[in-house]
PDB file of all heavy atoms in Angstrom:
ATOM      1  N   ASP A   1      21.342 -11.283  -9.508  1.00  0.00           N
ATOM      2  CA  ASP A   1      20.071 -10.558  -9.381  1.00  0.00           C
ATOM      3  C   ASP A   1      18.922 -11.507  -9.026  1.00  0.00           C
ATOM      4  O   ASP A   1      17.799 -11.346  -9.495  1.00  0.00           O
ATOM      5  CB  ASP A   1      19.761  -9.788 -10.668  1.00  0.00           C
ATOM      6  CG  ASP A   1      18.757  -8.662 -10.426  1.00  0.00           C
ATOM      7  OD1 ASP A   1      18.593  -8.263  -9.247  1.00  0.00           O
ATOM      8  OD2 ASP A   1      18.131  -8.198 -11.385  1.00  0.00           O
ATOM      9  N   GLN A   2      19.206 -12.483  -8.200  1.00  0.00           N
ATOM     10  CA  GLN A   2      18.196 -13.437  -7.743  1.00  0.00           C
ATOM     11  C   GLN A   2      17.916 -13.302  -6.252  1.00  0.00           C
ATOM     12  O   GLN A   2      17.240 -14.141  -5.676  1.00  0.00           O
ATOM     13  CB  GLN A   2      18.644 -14.874  -8.048  1.00  0.00           C
ATOM     14  CG  GLN A   2      18.771 -15.163  -9.537  1.00  0.00           C
ATOM     15  CD  GLN A   2      19.298 -16.543  -9.822  1.00  0.00           C
ATOM     16  OE1 GLN A   2      19.742 -17.256  -8.914  1.00  0.00           O
ATOM     17  NE2 GLN A   2      19.262 -16.946 -11.081  1.00  0.00           N
ATOM     18  N   LEU A   3      18.433 -12.256  -5.639  1.00  0.00           N
ATOM     19  CA  LEU A   3      18.175 -11.956  -4.230  1.00  0.00           C
ATOM     20  C   LEU A   3      17.205 -10.785  -4.157  1.00  0.00           C
ATOM     21  O   LEU A   3      17.470  -9.707  -4.691  1.00  0.00           O
ATOM     22  CB  LEU A   3      19.479 -11.611  -3.508  1.00  0.00           C
ATOM     23  CG  LEU A   3      19.348 -11.200  -2.041  1.00  0.00           C
ATOM     24  CD1 LEU A   3      18.863 -12.362  -1.195  1.00  0.00           C
ATOM     25  CD2 LEU A   3      20.673 -10.683  -1.514  1.00  0.00           C
ATOM     26  N   VAL A   4      16.063 -11.026  -3.509  1.00  0.00           N
ATOM     27  CA  VAL A   4      15.016 -10.012  -3.389  1.00  0.00           C
ATOM     28  C   VAL A   4      14.841  -9.694  -1.906  1.00  0.00           C
ATOM     29  O   VAL A   4      14.641 -10.606  -1.090  1.00  0.00           O
ATOM     30  CB  VAL A   4      13.690 -10.489  -3.995  1.00  0.00           C
ATOM     31  CG1 VAL A   4      12.636  -9.393  -3.910  1.00  0.00           C
ATOM     32  CG2 VAL A   4      13.892 -10.928  -5.441  1.00  0.00           C
ATOM     33  N   ILE A   5      14.920  -8.423  -1.564  1.00  0.00           N
ATOM     34  CA  ILE A   5      14.739  -7.961  -0.184  1.00  0.00           C
ATOM     35  C   ILE A   5      13.435  -7.178  -0.123  1.00  0.00           C
ATOM     36  O   ILE A   5      13.240  -6.232  -0.895  1.00  0.00           O
ATOM     37  CB  ILE A   5      15.920  -7.097   0.281  1.00  0.00           C
ATOM     38  CG1 ILE A   5      17.235  -7.878   0.139  1.00  0.00           C
ATOM     39  CG2 ILE A   5      15.724  -6.656   1.718  1.00  0.00           C
ATOM     40  CD1 ILE A   5      18.464  -7.056   0.440  1.00  0.00           C
ATOM     41  N   VAL A   6      12.546  -7.574   0.772  1.00  0.00           N
ATOM     42  CA  VAL A   6      11.253  -6.917   0.923  1.00  0.00           C
ATOM     43  C   VAL A   6      11.121  -6.407   2.354  1.00  0.00           C
ATOM     44  O   VAL A   6      11.859  -6.828   3.250  1.00  0.00           O
ATOM     45  CB  VAL A   6      10.092  -7.875   0.575  1.00  0.00           C
ATOM     46  CG1 VAL A   6      10.180  -8.311  -0.879  1.00  0.00           C
ATOM     47  CG2 VAL A   6      10.096  -9.085   1.490  1.00  0.00           C
ATOM     48  N   ASP A   7      10.163  -5.519   2.542  1.00  0.00           N
ATOM     49  CA  ASP A   7       9.934  -4.974   3.878  1.00  0.00           C
ATOM     50  C   ASP A   7       9.298  -6.021   4.783  1.00  0.00           C
ATOM     51  O   ASP A   7       9.738  -6.253   5.907  1.00  0.00           O
ATOM     52  CB  ASP A   7       9.055  -3.720   3.786  1.00  0.00           C
ATOM     53  CG  ASP A   7       8.957  -3.011   5.124  1.00  0.00           C
ATOM     54  OD1 ASP A   7       9.762  -3.340   6.014  1.00  0.00           O
ATOM     55  OD2 ASP A   7       8.095  -2.128   5.277  1.00  0.00           O
ATOM     56  N   ASN A   8       8.235  -6.662   4.307  1.00  0.00           N
ATOM     57  CA  ASN A   8       7.577  -7.741   5.047  1.00  0.00           C
ATOM     58  C   ASN A   8       6.870  -8.635   4.041  1.00  0.00           C
ATOM     59  O   ASN A   8       6.762  -8.292   2.851  1.00  0.00           O
ATOM     60  CB  ASN A   8       6.584  -7.197   6.090  1.00  0.00           C
ATOM     61  CG  ASN A   8       5.526  -6.311   5.468  1.00  0.00           C
ATOM     62  OD1 ASN A   8       4.627  -6.784   4.770  1.00  0.00           O
ATOM     63  ND2 ASN A   8       5.638  -5.000   5.699  1.00  0.00           N
ATOM     64  N   MET A   9       6.379  -9.777   4.508  1.00  0.00           N
ATOM     65  CA  MET A   9       5.721 -10.748   3.637  1.00  0.00           C
ATOM     66  C   MET A   9       4.281 -11.006   4.054  1.00  0.00           C
ATOM     67  O   MET A   9       3.750 -12.091   3.838  1.00  0.00           O
ATOM     68  CB  MET A   9       6.506 -12.070   3.631  1.00  0.00           C
ATOM     69  CG  MET A   9       7.904 -11.966   3.080  1.00  0.00           C
ATOM     70  SD  MET A   9       8.696 -13.570   2.923  1.00  0.00           S
ATOM     71  CE  MET A   9      10.362 -13.088   2.503  1.00  0.00           C
ATOM     72  N   GLU A  10       3.656 -10.033   4.615  1.00  0.00           N
ATOM     73  CA  GLU A  10       2.263 -10.188   5.025  1.00  0.00           C
ATOM     74  C   GLU A  10       1.346 -10.033   3.813  1.00  0.00           C
ATOM     75  O   GLU A  10       1.488  -9.092   3.031  1.00  0.00           O
ATOM     76  CB  GLU A  10       1.914  -9.143   6.079  1.00  0.00           C
ATOM     77  CG  GLU A  10       2.759  -9.241   7.349  1.00  0.00           C
ATOM     78  CD  GLU A  10       2.392  -8.166   8.355  1.00  0.00           C
ATOM     79  OE1 GLU A  10       1.361  -7.495   8.130  1.00  0.00           O
ATOM     80  OE2 GLU A  10       3.112  -8.011   9.344  1.00  0.00           O
ATOM     81  N   ILE A  11       0.425 -10.979   3.655  1.00  0.00           N
ATOM     82  CA  ILE A  11      -0.568 -10.929   2.585  1.00  0.00           C
ATOM     83  C   ILE A  11      -1.952 -11.019   3.208  1.00  0.00           C
ATOM     84  O   ILE A  11      -2.123 -11.539   4.315  1.00  0.00           O
ATOM     85  CB  ILE A  11      -0.351 -12.043   1.549  1.00  0.00           C
ATOM     86  CG1 ILE A  11      -0.368 -13.431   2.208  1.00  0.00           C
ATOM     87  CG2 ILE A  11       0.958 -11.843   0.814  1.00  0.00           C
ATOM     88  CD1 ILE A  11      -0.216 -14.578   1.220  1.00  0.00           C
ATOM     89  N   ASP A  12      -2.952 -10.540   2.468  1.00  0.00           N
ATOM     90  CA  ASP A  12      -4.311 -10.460   3.010  1.00  0.00           C
ATOM     91  C   ASP A  12      -5.081 -11.760   2.857  1.00  0.00           C
ATOM     92  O   ASP A  12      -5.968 -12.045   3.651  1.00  0.00           O
ATOM     93  CB  ASP A  12      -5.082  -9.327   2.320  1.00  0.00           C
ATOM     94  CG  ASP A  12      -4.426  -7.974   2.558  1.00  0.00           C
ATOM     95  OD1 ASP A  12      -3.780  -7.814   3.625  1.00  0.00           O
ATOM     96  OD2 ASP A  12      -4.533  -7.097   1.685  1.00  0.00           O
ATOM     97  N   SER A  13      -4.762 -12.547   1.848  1.00  0.00           N
ATOM     98  CA  SER A  13      -5.550 -13.749   1.563  1.00  0.00           C
ATOM     99  C   SER A  13      -4.693 -14.991   1.731  1.00  0.00           C
ATOM    100  O   SER A  13      -3.472 -14.972   1.539  1.00  0.00           O
ATOM    101  CB  SER A  13      -6.102 -13.699   0.135  1.00  0.00           C
ATOM    102  OG  SER A  13      -6.774 -14.907  -0.184  1.00  0.00           O
ATOM    103  N   HIS A  14      -5.360 -16.088   2.064  1.00  0.00           N
ATOM    104  CA  HIS A  14      -4.682 -17.370   2.183  1.00  0.00           C
ATOM    105  C   HIS A  14      -4.930 -18.259   0.965  1.00  0.00           C
ATOM    106  O   HIS A  14      -4.624 -19.454   0.995  1.00  0.00           O
ATOM    107  CB  HIS A  14      -5.169 -18.108   3.440  1.00  0.00           C
ATOM    108  CG  HIS A  14      -6.622 -18.458   3.401  1.00  0.00           C
ATOM    109  ND1 HIS A  14      -7.605 -17.565   3.736  1.00  0.00           N
ATOM    110  CD2 HIS A  14      -7.247 -19.612   3.045  1.00  0.00           C
ATOM    111  CE1 HIS A  14      -8.785 -18.134   3.610  1.00  0.00           C
ATOM    112  NE2 HIS A  14      -8.603 -19.393   3.196  1.00  0.00           N
ATOM    113  N   LYS A  15      -5.462 -17.680  -0.128  1.00  0.00           N
ATOM    114  CA  LYS A  15      -5.759 -18.441  -1.324  1.00  0.00           C
ATOM    115  C   LYS A  15      -4.478 -18.745  -2.103  1.00  0.00           C
ATOM    116  O   LYS A  15      -3.648 -17.867  -2.350  1.00  0.00           O
ATOM    117  CB  LYS A  15      -6.734 -17.673  -2.215  1.00  0.00           C
ATOM    118  CG  LYS A  15      -8.101 -17.424  -1.585  1.00  0.00           C
ATOM    119  CD  LYS A  15      -8.851 -18.739  -1.420  1.00  0.00           C
ATOM    120  CE  LYS A  15     -10.271 -18.485  -0.925  1.00  0.00           C
ATOM    121  NZ  LYS A  15     -11.032 -19.739  -0.768  1.00  0.00           N
ATOM    122  N   THR A  16      -4.364 -20.005  -2.527  1.00  0.00           N
ATOM    123  CA  THR A  16      -3.187 -20.406  -3.296  1.00  0.00           C
ATOM    124  C   THR A  16      -3.154 -19.731  -4.655  1.00  0.00           C
ATOM    125  O   THR A  16      -2.083 -19.345  -5.145  1.00  0.00           O
ATOM    126  CB  THR A  16      -3.180 -21.937  -3.471  1.00  0.00           C
ATOM    127  OG1 THR A  16      -3.180 -22.556  -2.191  1.00  0.00           O
ATOM    128  CG2 THR A  16      -1.958 -22.392  -4.244  1.00  0.00           C
ATOM    129  N   GLY A  17      -4.312 -19.557  -5.282  1.00  0.00           N
ATOM    130  CA  GLY A  17      -4.346 -18.944  -6.602  1.00  0.00           C
ATOM    131  C   GLY A  17      -3.859 -17.512  -6.596  1.00  0.00           C
ATOM    132  O   GLY A  17      -3.166 -17.072  -7.534  1.00  0.00           O
ATOM    133  N   GLU A  18      -4.189 -16.764  -5.569  1.00  0.00           N
ATOM    134  CA  GLU A  18      -3.742 -15.370  -5.505  1.00  0.00           C
ATOM    135  C   GLU A  18      -2.232 -15.277  -5.302  1.00  0.00           C
ATOM    136  O   GLU A  18      -1.572 -14.402  -5.878  1.00  0.00           O
ATOM    137  CB  GLU A  18      -4.484 -14.648  -4.386  1.00  0.00           C
ATOM    138  CG  GLU A  18      -5.983 -14.523  -4.615  1.00  0.00           C
ATOM    139  CD  GLU A  18      -6.658 -13.684  -3.562  1.00  0.00           C
ATOM    140  OE1 GLU A  18      -5.916 -13.095  -2.727  1.00  0.00           O
ATOM    141  OE2 GLU A  18      -7.897 -13.601  -3.568  1.00  0.00           O
ATOM    142  N   LEU A  19      -1.676 -16.172  -4.497  1.00  0.00           N
ATOM    143  CA  LEU A  19      -0.220 -16.161  -4.321  1.00  0.00           C
ATOM    144  C   LEU A  19       0.480 -16.579  -5.610  1.00  0.00           C
ATOM    145  O   LEU A  19       1.512 -15.993  -5.983  1.00  0.00           O
ATOM    146  CB  LEU A  19       0.178 -17.083  -3.171  1.00  0.00           C
ATOM    147  CG  LEU A  19       1.682 -17.175  -2.867  1.00  0.00           C
ATOM    148  CD1 LEU A  19       2.246 -15.807  -2.498  1.00  0.00           C
ATOM    149  CD2 LEU A  19       1.948 -18.178  -1.737  1.00  0.00           C
ATOM    150  N   SER A  20      -0.074 -17.559  -6.320  1.00  0.00           N
ATOM    151  CA  SER A  20       0.521 -17.973  -7.593  1.00  0.00           C
ATOM    152  C   SER A  20       0.464 -16.850  -8.606  1.00  0.00           C
ATOM    153  O   SER A  20       1.428 -16.617  -9.364  1.00  0.00           O
ATOM    154  CB  SER A  20      -0.207 -19.209  -8.146  1.00  0.00           C
ATOM    155  OG  SER A  20      -0.101 -20.291  -7.247  1.00  0.00           O
ATOM    156  N   ARG A  21      -0.637 -16.119  -8.643  1.00  0.00           N
ATOM    157  CA  ARG A  21      -0.767 -15.000  -9.571  1.00  0.00           C
ATOM    158  C   ARG A  21       0.219 -13.890  -9.210  1.00  0.00           C
ATOM    159  O   ARG A  21       0.822 -13.265 -10.090  1.00  0.00           O
ATOM    160  CB  ARG A  21      -2.207 -14.477  -9.527  1.00  0.00           C
ATOM    161  CG  ARG A  21      -2.548 -13.513 -10.653  1.00  0.00           C
ATOM    162  CD  ARG A  21      -4.010 -13.078 -10.578  1.00  0.00           C
ATOM    163  NE  ARG A  21      -4.907 -14.233 -10.525  1.00  0.00           N
ATOM    164  CZ  ARG A  21      -5.578 -14.609  -9.432  1.00  0.00           C
ATOM    165  NH1 ARG A  21      -5.445 -13.914  -8.300  1.00  0.00           N
ATOM    166  NH2 ARG A  21      -6.376 -15.664  -9.441  1.00  0.00           N
ATOM    167  N   MET A  22       0.426 -13.649  -7.926  1.00  0.00           N
ATOM    168  CA  MET A  22       1.370 -12.614  -7.507  1.00  0.00           C
ATOM    169  C   MET A  22       2.798 -12.990  -7.884  1.00  0.00           C
ATOM    170  O   MET A  22       3.578 -12.146  -8.355  1.00  0.00           O
ATOM    171  CB  MET A  22       1.266 -12.403  -6.001  1.00  0.00           C
ATOM    172  CG  MET A  22       2.110 -11.256  -5.480  1.00  0.00           C
ATOM    173  SD  MET A  22       2.029 -11.114  -3.688  1.00  0.00           S
ATOM    174  CE  MET A  22       2.881 -12.619  -3.212  1.00  0.00           C
ATOM    175  N   LEU A  23       3.160 -14.253  -7.719  1.00  0.00           N
ATOM    176  CA  LEU A  23       4.507 -14.696  -8.100  1.00  0.00           C
ATOM    177  C   LEU A  23       4.716 -14.575  -9.601  1.00  0.00           C
ATOM    178  O   LEU A  23       5.814 -14.230 -10.063  1.00  0.00           O
ATOM    179  CB  LEU A  23       4.727 -16.142  -7.651  1.00  0.00           C
ATOM    180  CG  LEU A  23       4.738 -16.401  -6.143  1.00  0.00           C
ATOM    181  CD1 LEU A  23       4.902 -17.896  -5.867  1.00  0.00           C
ATOM    182  CD2 LEU A  23       5.829 -15.620  -5.442  1.00  0.00           C
ATOM    183  N   LEU A  24       3.661 -14.854 -10.375  1.00  0.00           N
ATOM    184  CA  LEU A  24       3.779 -14.756 -11.825  1.00  0.00           C
ATOM    185  C   LEU A  24       3.903 -13.315 -12.280  1.00  0.00           C
ATOM    186  O   LEU A  24       4.737 -12.981 -13.136  1.00  0.00           O
ATOM    187  CB  LEU A  24       2.565 -15.427 -12.481  1.00  0.00           C
ATOM    188  CG  LEU A  24       2.526 -15.436 -14.008  1.00  0.00           C
ATOM    189  CD1 LEU A  24       3.724 -16.206 -14.565  1.00  0.00           C
ATOM    190  CD2 LEU A  24       1.215 -16.039 -14.509  1.00  0.00           C
ATOM    191  N   VAL A  25       3.121 -12.413 -11.700  1.00  0.00           N
ATOM    192  CA  VAL A  25       3.160 -11.000 -12.092  1.00  0.00           C
ATOM    193  C   VAL A  25       4.493 -10.364 -11.693  1.00  0.00           C
ATOM    194  O   VAL A  25       5.062  -9.545 -12.438  1.00  0.00           O
ATOM    195  CB  VAL A  25       1.974 -10.239 -11.462  1.00  0.00           C
ATOM    196  CG1 VAL A  25       2.119  -8.741 -11.678  1.00  0.00           C
ATOM    197  CG2 VAL A  25       0.658 -10.742 -12.032  1.00  0.00           C
ATOM    198  N   ASN A  26       5.034 -10.747 -10.561  1.00  0.00           N
ATOM    199  CA  ASN A  26       6.287 -10.165 -10.089  1.00  0.00           C
ATOM    200  C   ASN A  26       7.513 -10.727 -10.793  1.00  0.00           C
ATOM    201  O   ASN A  26       8.633 -10.271 -10.545  1.00  0.00           O
ATOM    202  CB  ASN A  26       6.433 -10.382  -8.583  1.00  0.00           C
ATOM    203  CG  ASN A  26       5.408  -9.589  -7.794  1.00  0.00           C
ATOM    204  OD1 ASN A  26       4.786  -8.665  -8.308  1.00  0.00           O
ATOM    205  ND2 ASN A  26       5.239  -9.954  -6.532  1.00  0.00           N
ATOM    206  N   GLY A  27       7.337 -11.716 -11.640  1.00  0.00           N
ATOM    207  CA  GLY A  27       8.466 -12.294 -12.362  1.00  0.00           C
ATOM    208  C   GLY A  27       9.236 -13.341 -11.590  1.00  0.00           C
ATOM    209  O   GLY A  27      10.355 -13.691 -11.969  1.00  0.00           O
ATOM    210  N   TRP A  28       8.667 -13.862 -10.520  1.00  0.00           N
ATOM    211  CA  TRP A  28       9.330 -14.890  -9.715  1.00  0.00           C
ATOM    212  C   TRP A  28       8.882 -16.292 -10.077  1.00  0.00           C
ATOM    213  O   TRP A  28       9.328 -17.254  -9.465  1.00  0.00           O
ATOM    214  CB  TRP A  28       9.063 -14.638  -8.222  1.00  0.00           C
ATOM    215  CG  TRP A  28       9.521 -13.295  -7.764  1.00  0.00           C
ATOM    216  CD1 TRP A  28      10.554 -12.577  -8.274  1.00  0.00           C
ATOM    217  CD2 TRP A  28       8.961 -12.502  -6.713  1.00  0.00           C
ATOM    218  NE1 TRP A  28      10.692 -11.391  -7.618  1.00  0.00           N
ATOM    219  CE2 TRP A  28       9.722 -11.313  -6.640  1.00  0.00           C
ATOM    220  CE3 TRP A  28       7.915 -12.690  -5.819  1.00  0.00           C
ATOM    221  CZ2 TRP A  28       9.463 -10.304  -5.715  1.00  0.00           C
ATOM    222  CZ3 TRP A  28       7.647 -11.685  -4.899  1.00  0.00           C
ATOM    223  CH2 TRP A  28       8.404 -10.509  -4.850  1.00  0.00           C
ATOM    224  N   SER A  29       7.967 -16.401 -11.034  1.00  0.00           N
ATOM    225  CA  SER A  29       7.457 -17.697 -11.450  1.00  0.00           C
ATOM    226  C   SER A  29       7.453 -17.750 -12.968  1.00  0.00           C
ATOM    227  O   SER A  29       7.124 -16.753 -13.627  1.00  0.00           O
ATOM    228  CB  SER A  29       6.037 -17.916 -10.901  1.00  0.00           C
ATOM    229  OG  SER A  29       5.507 -19.150 -11.364  1.00  0.00           O
ATOM    230  N   PRO A  30       7.812 -18.884 -13.581  1.00  0.00           N
ATOM    231  CA  PRO A  30       7.786 -18.967 -15.048  1.00  0.00           C
ATOM    232  C   PRO A  30       6.353 -18.946 -15.574  1.00  0.00           C
ATOM    233  O   PRO A  30       5.391 -19.192 -14.847  1.00  0.00           O
ATOM    234  CB  PRO A  30       8.477 -20.309 -15.334  1.00  0.00           C
ATOM    235  CG  PRO A  30       8.287 -21.109 -14.096  1.00  0.00           C
ATOM    236  CD  PRO A  30       8.295 -20.124 -12.959  1.00  0.00           C
ATOM    237  N   LEU A  31       6.226 -18.652 -16.847  1.00  0.00           N
ATOM    238  CA  LEU A  31       4.915 -18.600 -17.470  1.00  0.00           C
ATOM    239  C   LEU A  31       4.266 -19.982 -17.474  1.00  0.00           C
ATOM    240  O   LEU A  31       4.938 -21.021 -17.455  1.00  0.00           O
ATOM    241  CB  LEU A  31       5.023 -18.069 -18.899  1.00  0.00           C
ATOM    242  CG  LEU A  31       5.566 -16.635 -19.040  1.00  0.00           C
ATOM    243  CD1 LEU A  31       5.725 -16.279 -20.516  1.00  0.00           C
ATOM    244  CD2 LEU A  31       4.654 -15.647 -18.343  1.00  0.00           C
ATOM    245  N   ALA A  32       2.938 -19.980 -17.494  1.00  0.00           N
ATOM    246  CA  ALA A  32       2.209 -21.251 -17.486  1.00  0.00           C
ATOM    247  C   ALA A  32       2.478 -22.061 -18.744  1.00  0.00           C
ATOM    248  O   ALA A  32       2.375 -23.296 -18.735  1.00  0.00           O
ATOM    249  CB  ALA A  32       0.712 -20.987 -17.324  1.00  0.00           C
ATOM    250  N   SER A  33       2.818 -21.397 -19.850  1.00  0.00           N
ATOM    251  CA  SER A  33       3.063 -22.121 -21.100  1.00  0.00           C
ATOM    252  C   SER A  33       4.329 -22.960 -21.051  1.00  0.00           C
ATOM    253  O   SER A  33       4.482 -23.901 -21.820  1.00  0.00           O
ATOM    254  CB  SER A  33       3.155 -21.128 -22.266  1.00  0.00           C
ATOM    255  OG  SER A  33       4.192 -20.185 -22.029  1.00  0.00           O
ATOM    256  N   THR A  34       5.244 -22.619 -20.165  1.00  0.00           N
ATOM    257  CA  THR A  34       6.486 -23.394 -20.051  1.00  0.00           C
ATOM    258  C   THR A  34       6.307 -24.684 -19.277  1.00  0.00           C
ATOM    259  O   THR A  34       7.189 -25.552 -19.320  1.00  0.00           O
ATOM    260  CB  THR A  34       7.566 -22.546 -19.382  1.00  0.00           C
ATOM    261  OG1 THR A  34       7.103 -22.165 -18.064  1.00  0.00           O
ATOM    262  CG2 THR A  34       7.851 -21.282 -20.185  1.00  0.00           C
ATOM    263  N   GLU A  35       5.192 -24.809 -18.564  1.00  0.00           N
ATOM    264  CA  GLU A  35       4.896 -26.013 -17.777  1.00  0.00           C
ATOM    265  C   GLU A  35       5.993 -26.296 -16.757  1.00  0.00           C
ATOM    266  O   GLU A  35       6.322 -27.447 -16.480  1.00  0.00           O
ATOM    267  CB  GLU A  35       4.697 -27.237 -18.687  1.00  0.00           C
ATOM    268  CG  GLU A  35       3.518 -27.101 -19.633  1.00  0.00           C
ATOM    269  CD  GLU A  35       3.324 -28.335 -20.478  1.00  0.00           C
ATOM    270  OE1 GLU A  35       4.171 -29.249 -20.379  1.00  0.00           O
ATOM    271  OE2 GLU A  35       2.347 -28.393 -21.249  1.00  0.00           O
ATOM    272  N   ARG A  36       6.548 -25.250 -16.194  1.00  0.00           N
ATOM    273  CA  ARG A  36       7.546 -25.393 -15.133  1.00  0.00           C
ATOM    274  C   ARG A  36       7.021 -24.778 -13.849  1.00  0.00           C
ATOM    275  O   ARG A  36       6.293 -23.791 -13.865  1.00  0.00           O
ATOM    276  CB  ARG A  36       8.863 -24.710 -15.524  1.00  0.00           C
ATOM    277  CG  ARG A  36       9.620 -25.399 -16.645  1.00  0.00           C
ATOM    278  CD  ARG A  36      10.977 -24.755 -16.827  1.00  0.00           C
ATOM    279  NE  ARG A  36      10.847 -23.321 -17.115  1.00  0.00           N
ATOM    280  CZ  ARG A  36      11.859 -22.455 -17.082  1.00  0.00           C
ATOM    281  NH1 ARG A  36      13.074 -22.890 -16.754  1.00  0.00           N
ATOM    282  NH2 ARG A  36      11.652 -21.176 -17.353  1.00  0.00           N
ATOM    283  N   SER A  37       7.415 -25.373 -12.743  1.00  0.00           N
ATOM    284  CA  SER A  37       6.981 -24.879 -11.446  1.00  0.00           C
ATOM    285  C   SER A  37       7.881 -23.729 -11.010  1.00  0.00           C
ATOM    286  O   SER A  37       9.055 -23.653 -11.415  1.00  0.00           O
ATOM    287  CB  SER A  37       7.036 -26.001 -10.399  1.00  0.00           C
ATOM    288  OG  SER A  37       6.195 -27.072 -10.770  1.00  0.00           O
ATOM    289  N   PRO A  38       7.384 -22.836 -10.186  1.00  0.00           N
ATOM    290  CA  PRO A  38       8.252 -21.766  -9.660  1.00  0.00           C
ATOM    291  C   PRO A  38       9.319 -22.340  -8.732  1.00  0.00           C
ATOM    292  O   PRO A  38       9.176 -23.439  -8.185  1.00  0.00           O
ATOM    293  CB  PRO A  38       7.271 -20.858  -8.912  1.00  0.00           C
ATOM    294  CG  PRO A  38       6.117 -21.726  -8.574  1.00  0.00           C
ATOM    295  CD  PRO A  38       6.010 -22.724  -9.699  1.00  0.00           C
ATOM    296  N   SER A  39      10.378 -21.597  -8.587  1.00  0.00           N
ATOM    297  CA  SER A  39      11.479 -22.007  -7.712  1.00  0.00           C
ATOM    298  C   SER A  39      11.832 -20.817  -6.830  1.00  0.00           C
ATOM    299  O   SER A  39      12.692 -20.001  -7.170  1.00  0.00           O
ATOM    300  CB  SER A  39      12.689 -22.461  -8.540  1.00  0.00           C
ATOM    301  OG  SER A  39      13.748 -22.861  -7.695  1.00  0.00           O
ATOM    302  N   VAL A  40      11.134 -20.706  -5.701  1.00  0.00           N
ATOM    303  CA  VAL A  40      11.250 -19.547  -4.825  1.00  0.00           C
ATOM    304  C   VAL A  40      11.441 -20.031  -3.396  1.00  0.00           C
ATOM    305  O   VAL A  40      10.715 -20.914  -2.921  1.00  0.00           O
ATOM    306  CB  VAL A  40      10.001 -18.640  -4.919  1.00  0.00           C
ATOM    307  CG1 VAL A  40      10.158 -17.437  -4.002  1.00  0.00           C
ATOM    308  CG2 VAL A  40       9.753 -18.201  -6.351  1.00  0.00           C
ATOM    309  N   MET A  41      12.430 -19.457  -2.713  1.00  0.00           N
ATOM    310  CA  MET A  41      12.647 -19.701  -1.298  1.00  0.00           C
ATOM    311  C   MET A  41      12.258 -18.446  -0.534  1.00  0.00           C
ATOM    312  O   MET A  41      12.883 -17.398  -0.686  1.00  0.00           O
ATOM    313  CB  MET A  41      14.113 -20.068  -1.022  1.00  0.00           C
ATOM    314  CG  MET A  41      14.503 -20.035   0.448  1.00  0.00           C
ATOM    315  SD  MET A  41      13.632 -21.240   1.456  1.00  0.00           S
ATOM    316  CE  MET A  41      14.417 -22.747   0.908  1.00  0.00           C
ATOM    317  N   LEU A  42      11.189 -18.542   0.273  1.00  0.00           N
ATOM    318  CA  LEU A  42      10.735 -17.442   1.106  1.00  0.00           C
ATOM    319  C   LEU A  42      11.384 -17.572   2.477  1.00  0.00           C
ATOM    320  O   LEU A  42      11.278 -18.617   3.113  1.00  0.00           O
ATOM    321  CB  LEU A  42       9.209 -17.454   1.235  1.00  0.00           C
ATOM    322  CG  LEU A  42       8.416 -17.396  -0.080  1.00  0.00           C
ATOM    323  CD1 LEU A  42       6.936 -17.565   0.193  1.00  0.00           C
ATOM    324  CD2 LEU A  42       8.687 -16.099  -0.816  1.00  0.00           C
ATOM    325  N   MET A  43      12.071 -16.525   2.915  1.00  0.00           N
ATOM    326  CA  MET A  43      12.786 -16.583   4.180  1.00  0.00           C
ATOM    327  C   MET A  43      12.409 -15.381   5.048  1.00  0.00           C
ATOM    328  O   MET A  43      13.187 -14.440   5.201  1.00  0.00           O
ATOM    329  CB  MET A  43      14.299 -16.638   3.939  1.00  0.00           C
ATOM    330  CG  MET A  43      15.120 -17.068   5.129  1.00  0.00           C
ATOM    331  SD  MET A  43      16.855 -17.370   4.701  1.00  0.00           S
ATOM    332  CE  MET A  43      16.716 -18.862   3.734  1.00  0.00           C
ATOM    333  N   PRO A  44      11.209 -15.393   5.640  1.00  0.00           N
ATOM    334  CA  PRO A  44      10.841 -14.321   6.568  1.00  0.00           C
ATOM    335  C   PRO A  44      11.382 -14.608   7.963  1.00  0.00           C
ATOM    336  O   PRO A  44      11.672 -15.756   8.320  1.00  0.00           O
ATOM    337  CB  PRO A  44       9.314 -14.357   6.541  1.00  0.00           C
ATOM    338  CG  PRO A  44       8.996 -15.783   6.271  1.00  0.00           C
ATOM    339  CD  PRO A  44      10.094 -16.323   5.396  1.00  0.00           C
ATOM    340  N   PHE A  45      11.525 -13.546   8.734  1.00  0.00           N
ATOM    341  CA  PHE A  45      11.992 -13.711  10.114  1.00  0.00           C
ATOM    342  C   PHE A  45      10.858 -14.300  10.949  1.00  0.00           C
ATOM    343  O   PHE A  45       9.744 -13.772  10.985  1.00  0.00           O
ATOM    344  CB  PHE A  45      12.432 -12.373  10.692  1.00  0.00           C
ATOM    345  CG  PHE A  45      12.842 -12.446  12.140  1.00  0.00           C
ATOM    346  CD1 PHE A  45      14.078 -12.957  12.495  1.00  0.00           C
ATOM    347  CD2 PHE A  45      11.978 -12.021  13.140  1.00  0.00           C
ATOM    348  CE1 PHE A  45      14.457 -13.033  13.818  1.00  0.00           C
ATOM    349  CE2 PHE A  45      12.350 -12.087  14.467  1.00  0.00           C
ATOM    350  CZ  PHE A  45      13.593 -12.602  14.809  1.00  0.00           C
TER     351      PHE A  45
END
């Protein structure tokens, strides 16, 4: 259950903080209290 299929990967903002917040809310990034970096491979066409 580590394969995620999405329709597209277009986002409105180029801010790093917003992308980090989105990864955290979606469950693709560990909590900040764990002091671990996310481990995500984005593979758009």
